[in-house]
């Protein structure tokens, strides 16, 4: 496995960008220079993150999210 996280990663198992092996290794995300712990999905090349909003759920039981634009810096926590 490489030392750089993937360009796009999601924590939802229903997503095509979900990868259990990488998530088990521990991925941290800095968005605009600030550590974020509520990241649901990110994309480095497009420059966005999808963050969960509190504990609210949609009608399907998934957490409500908001998509924010800006610089994204993923990293593996075991290297930090």
C-alpha atoms as a PDB file:
ATOM      1  CA  UNK A   1       0.000   0.000   0.000  1.00  0.00           C
ATOM      2  CA  UNK A   2       1.337   3.451  -0.843  1.00  0.00           C
ATOM      3  CA  UNK A   3       2.067   6.227   1.657  1.00  0.00           C
ATOM      4  CA  UNK A   4      -0.342   8.656   0.001  1.00  0.00           C
ATOM      5  CA  UNK A   5      -4.110   8.431   0.523  1.00  0.00           C
ATOM      6  CA  UNK A   6      -6.355   8.098  -2.548  1.00  0.00           C
ATOM      7  CA  UNK A   7      -7.599  11.130  -4.477  1.00  0.00           C
ATOM      8  CA  UNK A   8     -11.183  10.374  -3.467  1.00  0.00           C
ATOM      9  CA  UNK A   9     -12.462   8.396  -0.487  1.00  0.00           C
ATOM     10  CA  UNK A  10     -15.859   7.876   1.149  1.00  0.00           C
ATOM     11  CA  UNK A  11     -16.782   6.377   4.518  1.00  0.00           C
ATOM     12  CA  UNK A  12     -20.206   5.157   3.340  1.00  0.00           C
ATOM     13  CA  UNK A  13     -20.094   1.453   2.306  1.00  0.00           C
ATOM     14  CA  UNK A  14     -22.708   2.114  -0.412  1.00  0.00           C
ATOM     15  CA  UNK A  15     -20.379   4.538  -2.217  1.00  0.00           C
ATOM     16  CA  UNK A  16     -18.210   3.358  -5.141  1.00  0.00           C
ATOM     17  CA  UNK A  17     -15.309   5.291  -3.516  1.00  0.00           C
ATOM     18  CA  UNK A  18     -15.456   3.284  -0.268  1.00  0.00           C
ATOM     19  CA  UNK A  19     -12.302   1.329   0.655  1.00  0.00           C
ATOM     20  CA  UNK A  20     -12.373  -0.563   3.966  1.00  0.00           C
ATOM     21  CA  UNK A  21      -8.624  -1.332   3.982  1.00  0.00           C
ATOM     22  CA  UNK A  22      -7.638   2.311   3.705  1.00  0.00           C
ATOM     23  CA  UNK A  23     -10.208   3.439   6.280  1.00  0.00           C
ATOM     24  CA  UNK A  24      -8.966   0.766   8.714  1.00  0.00           C
ATOM     25  CA  UNK A  25      -5.444   2.178   8.345  1.00  0.00           C
ATOM     26  CA  UNK A  26      -6.764   5.563   9.511  1.00  0.00           C
ATOM     27  CA  UNK A  27      -7.110   8.596   7.246  1.00  0.00           C
ATOM     28  CA  UNK A  28      -7.122  12.135   8.593  1.00  0.00           C
ATOM     29  CA  UNK A  29      -8.246  15.168   6.589  1.00  0.00           C
ATOM     30  CA  UNK A  30      -7.166  18.795   6.832  1.00  0.00           C
ATOM     31  CA  UNK A  31      -9.584  21.175   5.132  1.00  0.00           C
ATOM     32  CA  UNK A  32      -8.330  24.747   4.673  1.00  0.00           C
ATOM     33  CA  UNK A  33      -5.569  23.936   7.169  1.00  0.00           C
ATOM     34  CA  UNK A  34      -7.952  22.770   9.936  1.00  0.00           C
ATOM     35  CA  UNK A  35      -8.244  19.145  11.096  1.00  0.00           C
ATOM     36  CA  UNK A  36     -11.768  17.826  10.410  1.00  0.00           C
ATOM     37  CA  UNK A  37     -13.165  14.762  12.177  1.00  0.00           C
ATOM     38  CA  UNK A  38     -16.651  14.721  10.605  1.00  0.00           C
ATOM     39  CA  UNK A  39     -15.633  14.098   6.968  1.00  0.00           C
ATOM     40  CA  UNK A  40     -18.003  11.752   5.142  1.00  0.00           C
ATOM     41  CA  UNK A  41     -16.254  11.984   1.747  1.00  0.00           C
ATOM     42  CA  UNK A  42     -13.475  14.004   0.112  1.00  0.00           C
ATOM     43  CA  UNK A  43     -11.948  14.640  -3.313  1.00  0.00           C
ATOM     44  CA  UNK A  44      -8.506  16.244  -3.581  1.00  0.00           C
ATOM     45  CA  UNK A  45      -8.477  16.862  -7.357  1.00  0.00           C
ATOM     46  CA  UNK A  46     -11.868  18.623  -7.328  1.00  0.00           C
ATOM     47  CA  UNK A  47     -11.132  20.403  -4.018  1.00  0.00           C
ATOM     48  CA  UNK A  48     -14.158  19.542  -1.854  1.00  0.00           C
ATOM     49  CA  UNK A  49     -15.199  17.712   1.301  1.00  0.00           C
ATOM     50  CA  UNK A  50     -18.587  16.452   2.404  1.00  0.00           C
ATOM     51  CA  UNK A  51     -19.094  16.995   6.149  1.00  0.00           C
ATOM     52  CA  UNK A  52     -21.827  15.589   8.375  1.00  0.00           C
ATOM     53  CA  UNK A  53     -24.116  18.163   9.971  1.00  0.00           C
ATOM     54  CA  UNK A  54     -24.715  17.341  13.630  1.00  0.00           C
ATOM     55  CA  UNK A  55     -26.771  14.227  14.321  1.00  0.00           C
ATOM     56  CA  UNK A  56     -29.595  14.924  11.865  1.00  0.00           C
ATOM     57  CA  UNK A  57     -30.599  12.164   9.469  1.00  0.00           C
ATOM     58  CA  UNK A  58     -32.336  12.195   6.105  1.00  0.00           C
ATOM     59  CA  UNK A  59     -35.429  10.089   5.396  1.00  0.00           C
ATOM     60  CA  UNK A  60     -33.266   7.068   4.496  1.00  0.00           C
ATOM     61  CA  UNK A  61     -31.348   7.141   7.790  1.00  0.00           C
ATOM     62  CA  UNK A  62     -28.155   8.598   6.327  1.00  0.00           C
ATOM     63  CA  UNK A  63     -26.459  11.558   8.031  1.00  0.00           C
ATOM     64  CA  UNK A  64     -27.197  14.977   6.544  1.00  0.00           C
ATOM     65  CA  UNK A  65     -24.128  16.437   4.845  1.00  0.00           C
ATOM     66  CA  UNK A  66     -22.887  19.716   3.439  1.00  0.00           C
ATOM     67  CA  UNK A  67     -20.377  19.994   0.589  1.00  0.00           C
ATOM     68  CA  UNK A  68     -17.656  22.630   1.016  1.00  0.00           C
ATOM     69  CA  UNK A  69     -15.085  23.796  -1.540  1.00  0.00           C
ATOM     70  CA  UNK A  70     -11.444  24.432  -0.683  1.00  0.00           C
ATOM     71  CA  UNK A  71      -7.994  22.846  -0.369  1.00  0.00           C
ATOM     72  CA  UNK A  72      -8.074  19.264   0.958  1.00  0.00           C
ATOM     73  CA  UNK A  73      -5.047  17.525   2.520  1.00  0.00           C
ATOM     74  CA  UNK A  74      -5.602  13.852   3.394  1.00  0.00           C
ATOM     75  CA  UNK A  75      -2.951  11.929   5.338  1.00  0.00           C
ATOM     76  CA  UNK A  76      -2.541   8.597   7.081  1.00  0.00           C
ATOM     77  CA  UNK A  77      -2.761   8.952  10.863  1.00  0.00           C
ATOM     78  CA  UNK A  78      -0.117   6.276  11.496  1.00  0.00           C
ATOM     79  CA  UNK A  79       2.438   8.522   9.739  1.00  0.00           C
ATOM     80  CA  UNK A  80       1.498  11.653  11.686  1.00  0.00           C
END
